[in-house]
């Protein structure tokens, strides 16, 4: 997981705090599962990304104010909404 994060975002100093069991992204519709992880990153990107041709990812740094704006106006996944809400409202340890 750490290798993938470094390759796809360029971030270094990745510490994986928690890896959750695989979960279904759309239960009842597909059997596709994803694995969610909570990570701490020590620094901004220090290398170029190494995306495969089919991958379209963009990573950004946001502060809590910008995270609140994304929650109010952004088109993001439900998992991302929950994590951002917890961070913005100081619910993450």
C-alpha atoms as a PDB file:
ATOM      1  CA  UNK A   1       0.000   0.000   0.000  1.00  0.00           C
ATOM      2  CA  UNK A   2       2.832   2.383   0.859  1.00  0.00           C
ATOM      3  CA  UNK A   3       4.535   1.705  -2.479  1.00  0.00           C
ATOM      4  CA  UNK A   4       1.311   2.415  -4.373  1.00  0.00           C
ATOM      5  CA  UNK A   5       0.778   5.693  -2.517  1.00  0.00           C
ATOM      6  CA  UNK A   6       4.330   6.828  -3.241  1.00  0.00           C
ATOM      7  CA  UNK A   7       4.038   5.839  -6.922  1.00  0.00           C
ATOM      8  CA  UNK A   8       0.629   7.426  -7.476  1.00  0.00           C
ATOM      9  CA  UNK A   9       1.064  10.645  -5.482  1.00  0.00           C
ATOM     10  CA  UNK A  10       4.819  11.224  -5.216  1.00  0.00           C
ATOM     11  CA  UNK A  11       4.528  11.658  -1.453  1.00  0.00           C
ATOM     12  CA  UNK A  12       7.377  10.368   0.693  1.00  0.00           C
ATOM     13  CA  UNK A  13       7.515   9.602   4.408  1.00  0.00           C
ATOM     14  CA  UNK A  14       4.309   7.558   4.343  1.00  0.00           C
ATOM     15  CA  UNK A  15       3.297   5.855   7.592  1.00  0.00           C
ATOM     16  CA  UNK A  16       0.327   3.504   7.451  1.00  0.00           C
ATOM     17  CA  UNK A  17      -1.680   3.931  10.644  1.00  0.00           C
ATOM     18  CA  UNK A  18      -4.583   1.580   9.914  1.00  0.00           C
ATOM     19  CA  UNK A  19      -5.551  -0.833   7.148  1.00  0.00           C
ATOM     20  CA  UNK A  20      -9.185  -1.881   7.122  1.00  0.00           C
ATOM     21  CA  UNK A  21     -10.560  -5.162   5.819  1.00  0.00           C
ATOM     22  CA  UNK A  22     -11.708  -5.061   2.199  1.00  0.00           C
ATOM     23  CA  UNK A  23     -15.203  -3.620   1.802  1.00  0.00           C
ATOM     24  CA  UNK A  24     -17.661  -3.489  -1.061  1.00  0.00           C
ATOM     25  CA  UNK A  25     -18.019  -0.137  -2.764  1.00  0.00           C
ATOM     26  CA  UNK A  26     -21.501  -0.927  -4.118  1.00  0.00           C
ATOM     27  CA  UNK A  27     -22.941  -3.964  -2.293  1.00  0.00           C
ATOM     28  CA  UNK A  28     -25.610  -5.810  -4.227  1.00  0.00           C
ATOM     29  CA  UNK A  29     -24.570  -4.249  -7.532  1.00  0.00           C
ATOM     30  CA  UNK A  30     -21.037  -5.549  -7.903  1.00  0.00           C
ATOM     31  CA  UNK A  31     -18.662  -7.749  -5.972  1.00  0.00           C
ATOM     32  CA  UNK A  32     -15.797  -5.284  -6.452  1.00  0.00           C
ATOM     33  CA  UNK A  33     -14.081  -4.505  -3.157  1.00  0.00           C
ATOM     34  CA  UNK A  34     -11.683  -1.805  -2.025  1.00  0.00           C
ATOM     35  CA  UNK A  35      -9.294  -1.555   0.901  1.00  0.00           C
ATOM     36  CA  UNK A  36      -9.252   1.674   2.884  1.00  0.00           C
ATOM     37  CA  UNK A  37      -6.190   2.800   4.834  1.00  0.00           C
ATOM     38  CA  UNK A  38      -5.440   5.733   7.108  1.00  0.00           C
ATOM     39  CA  UNK A  39      -1.965   7.164   6.492  1.00  0.00           C
ATOM     40  CA  UNK A  40       0.201   9.940   7.849  1.00  0.00           C
ATOM     41  CA  UNK A  41       2.471  11.680   5.371  1.00  0.00           C
ATOM     42  CA  UNK A  42       5.535  13.615   6.536  1.00  0.00           C
ATOM     43  CA  UNK A  43       6.154  15.846   3.550  1.00  0.00           C
ATOM     44  CA  UNK A  44       4.936  17.222   0.237  1.00  0.00           C
ATOM     45  CA  UNK A  45       5.624  15.265  -2.936  1.00  0.00           C
ATOM     46  CA  UNK A  46       9.319  14.856  -3.566  1.00  0.00           C
ATOM     47  CA  UNK A  47       9.154  12.841  -6.737  1.00  0.00           C
ATOM     48  CA  UNK A  48       7.114  12.559  -9.896  1.00  0.00           C
ATOM     49  CA  UNK A  49       4.152  10.215  -9.981  1.00  0.00           C
ATOM     50  CA  UNK A  50       4.371   6.899 -11.833  1.00  0.00           C
ATOM     51  CA  UNK A  51       0.804   6.454 -13.065  1.00  0.00           C
ATOM     52  CA  UNK A  52      -0.254   3.699 -15.412  1.00  0.00           C
ATOM     53  CA  UNK A  53      -1.913   4.836 -18.637  1.00  0.00           C
ATOM     54  CA  UNK A  54      -5.455   4.155 -17.339  1.00  0.00           C
ATOM     55  CA  UNK A  55      -4.922   5.974 -13.999  1.00  0.00           C
ATOM     56  CA  UNK A  56      -6.103   9.558 -13.668  1.00  0.00           C
ATOM     57  CA  UNK A  57      -5.231  10.734 -10.162  1.00  0.00           C
ATOM     58  CA  UNK A  58      -4.502  14.157  -8.755  1.00  0.00           C
ATOM     59  CA  UNK A  59      -3.440  14.696  -5.173  1.00  0.00           C
ATOM     60  CA  UNK A  60      -3.671  18.018  -3.345  1.00  0.00           C
ATOM     61  CA  UNK A  61      -2.875  19.372   0.126  1.00  0.00           C
ATOM     62  CA  UNK A  62      -5.818  21.021   1.857  1.00  0.00           C
ATOM     63  CA  UNK A  63      -6.213  22.722   5.206  1.00  0.00           C
ATOM     64  CA  UNK A  64      -9.345  22.317   7.322  1.00  0.00           C
ATOM     65  CA  UNK A  65     -10.986  25.417   5.802  1.00  0.00           C
ATOM     66  CA  UNK A  66     -10.560  24.060   2.269  1.00  0.00           C
ATOM     67  CA  UNK A  67     -11.703  20.613   3.426  1.00  0.00           C
ATOM     68  CA  UNK A  68     -14.919  22.183   4.776  1.00  0.00           C
ATOM     69  CA  UNK A  69     -15.465  23.879   1.401  1.00  0.00           C
ATOM     70  CA  UNK A  70     -14.969  20.556  -0.389  1.00  0.00           C
ATOM     71  CA  UNK A  71     -17.502  18.950   1.960  1.00  0.00           C
ATOM     72  CA  UNK A  72     -20.029  21.671   1.203  1.00  0.00           C
ATOM     73  CA  UNK A  73     -19.527  21.844  -2.562  1.00  0.00           C
ATOM     74  CA  UNK A  74     -17.373  18.987  -3.806  1.00  0.00           C
ATOM     75  CA  UNK A  75     -18.385  15.899  -5.711  1.00  0.00           C
ATOM     76  CA  UNK A  76     -16.574  13.265  -3.640  1.00  0.00           C
ATOM     77  CA  UNK A  77     -17.164   9.724  -2.472  1.00  0.00           C
ATOM     78  CA  UNK A  78     -19.081   8.901   0.682  1.00  0.00           C
ATOM     79  CA  UNK A  79     -15.957   7.505   2.319  1.00  0.00           C
ATOM     80  CA  UNK A  80     -14.096  10.728   1.575  1.00  0.00           C
ATOM     81  CA  UNK A  81     -16.986  12.755   2.999  1.00  0.00           C
ATOM     82  CA  UNK A  82     -16.870  10.807   6.258  1.00  0.00           C
ATOM     83  CA  UNK A  83     -13.116  11.111   6.649  1.00  0.00           C
ATOM     84  CA  UNK A  84     -13.044  14.823   5.822  1.00  0.00           C
ATOM     85  CA  UNK A  85     -15.934  15.498   8.211  1.00  0.00           C
ATOM     86  CA  UNK A  86     -14.120  13.707  11.011  1.00  0.00           C
ATOM     87  CA  UNK A  87     -10.922  15.666  10.365  1.00  0.00           C
ATOM     88  CA  UNK A  88     -12.640  19.055  10.022  1.00  0.00           C
ATOM     89  CA  UNK A  89     -14.557  18.441  13.250  1.00  0.00           C
ATOM     90  CA  UNK A  90     -11.497  17.192  15.207  1.00  0.00           C
ATOM     91  CA  UNK A  91     -12.867  13.664  15.543  1.00  0.00           C
ATOM     92  CA  UNK A  92      -9.704  11.892  14.378  1.00  0.00           C
ATOM     93  CA  UNK A  93      -7.033  11.100  16.944  1.00  0.00           C
END
